[in-house]
Amino acid sequence: MALTPTWNESAWFADYVLPMGHASERHDVSSFETHNGRWIGFRQPVARRHRELDGEVFERTYEANPGEVWEEQEFWIDLSWRIDPDGSLGIRSQFESWENPGTPLTLDEYYTMLFERSVPGLPEAAEAEGLAPLEYMRRKGSFALPGDQVKVYERDVPEVDLVGADRDEDGVWRRPGTAGSYESLDDIAGHMPFIGDGSPAVDINGQAKLGFPTPSKKLELFSETIRDWGWPEYALPAFIRSQVHWEDLDLTAGERILVPTFRIPTLIHTRSSNSQWLNEISHRHPLWLHPSDAEQLNIEENGLVRITTRIGHFVISAWRTEGIRPGVVAASHHMGRWRLEEEAARSWGTGKASIDRDDDGRWRLRREHGQASYGSDDPDTGLIWWTDTGVHQNLTFPVQPDPISGMHCWLQRVTVAPAEAGDAYGDVVVDTEASHRVFEEWLAKTRSGPGPGGLRRPLWMARPVKPKATAFGYDS
């Protein structure tokens, strides 16, 4: 099942495709790094809100959206009630209205709870204008958190926030029944904070300060967590020889470091494939390589290059530039969108492609042709003048999970060479069996659990929508 606001490659293989709302068709919160501060923005479904102001009443946003497009949040709420109609599974109760028990939670209730309880200073600002926090955000659209948002750790913690907490020998105020002070995971009731262990303050020169969201409430140069969880050699910051360490490369054999994550300022990941003007500006991403590397590897300007990874290869054009370091090559992401049918699911940035499998079991995505003008309800599709749509390089990258954090290690050790006979621009070839073998190699770098206290992972580390503490138990 694909829940998506726009057609995408994953949707080709889904049994069901459920259209979800874009930013102007759903409720959502957002925040970005814009200035020396912290703020939260509130998106609203434009059609629904406009019609509500005219007096109409809606139970769900799809009733007002063009094409009955759903809000994903409402979908999950309603699905929980379909899965657990009588509440016997304990699921329905998590999504039940507190204003009207026996009915599903509404998004008005959800965002009322969020704005009243989770945004410091917002309830007070709303009250000053005679508004509820939700109505304040509906009218204003955003809210900047008051006070210094840089040295948050130096904030004084009022005595009322220390009630029920005990100061330990390290000066940390621990509150029983939180991840910072418990005897059994059952003692930790309710949901844990996004980050931190629930300890309210740390004593600094006799004053209770907010501190950092670490176990010590201080900025930790030495991490007891890393040590206690089986990685003592990394408890202090140190150089780690990565999977693309330059001394491991065989430069004479064409090995280089590929940077696949750099971005250009006109596109947003691959989502901007649906933006007409952005695709007109940027629709190709040649491989950046230094002229000295190009000479050594016999690669011409605009010539086709085969980039070979441990599980496959892709074919892309070359751009010789001194804007990149020798020994490193780079291809920006954003591009390489494709479709399997000529007329279906066209956009401003997709090329027609086919998928097949060779005798060795390798998958090949081959570009049949690039972008071209076409007729549609939008007359501008007849004005498309560009043909390139880029190359989808990510499929050729093996899964490389960092053994401590689990995060994907994006940089790739690759072999760079001129394209071979039979190669075509846009080719993507992947050996899925090799992909599994590489994953097993990275998996072997991890160290077995459970961790201290029989835990799956540290309770204090950041995690969106943390489950109850008992779920962290290894035997749960």
Foldseek 3Di string as FASTA:
>chain_A
DAEEQADADVVVPDPDYAHADDQLQEWDKDWDPDDQFTKIFIGHNNQVVVVVVVPDDDQASLVRDPPSHHHVVVVVQVVQCVVPVPCPVVRNVVQADPVDGPHGHGVVNVVLCCQVPPAPPQCVVQVVVPHRSVVVCVVPRMDTRDDRPPVQQADFDDPVLLVQWDQDPLQWTHHWLWLLHYDDLVSNDDDHDLFATPTQFGADPNTTTRACRASSSHDQQFAPQCVQQPNNVPRHPDDDCDPQRPVPDPVLQQKFKEDAADADPLADFQVCLQPQVSCLVDAEWAKEAEPVSCVSQVADQQFWKWKAFQFWIAIGGHHHDPPDDHRYMYTYGNFATEDDDDPPSDHNQYFHWHWDADPVGKIKIGGPWFQAADDDPDVCSNVDDDGHGYAHAPQNDAAQQQQPPGDGDPMTTIGMHGDDPPHDHRMIIGHVVSSVVVVVVNPVPHDDDDTPPQFNHRPRHRDPPGDRSVVRHNVD
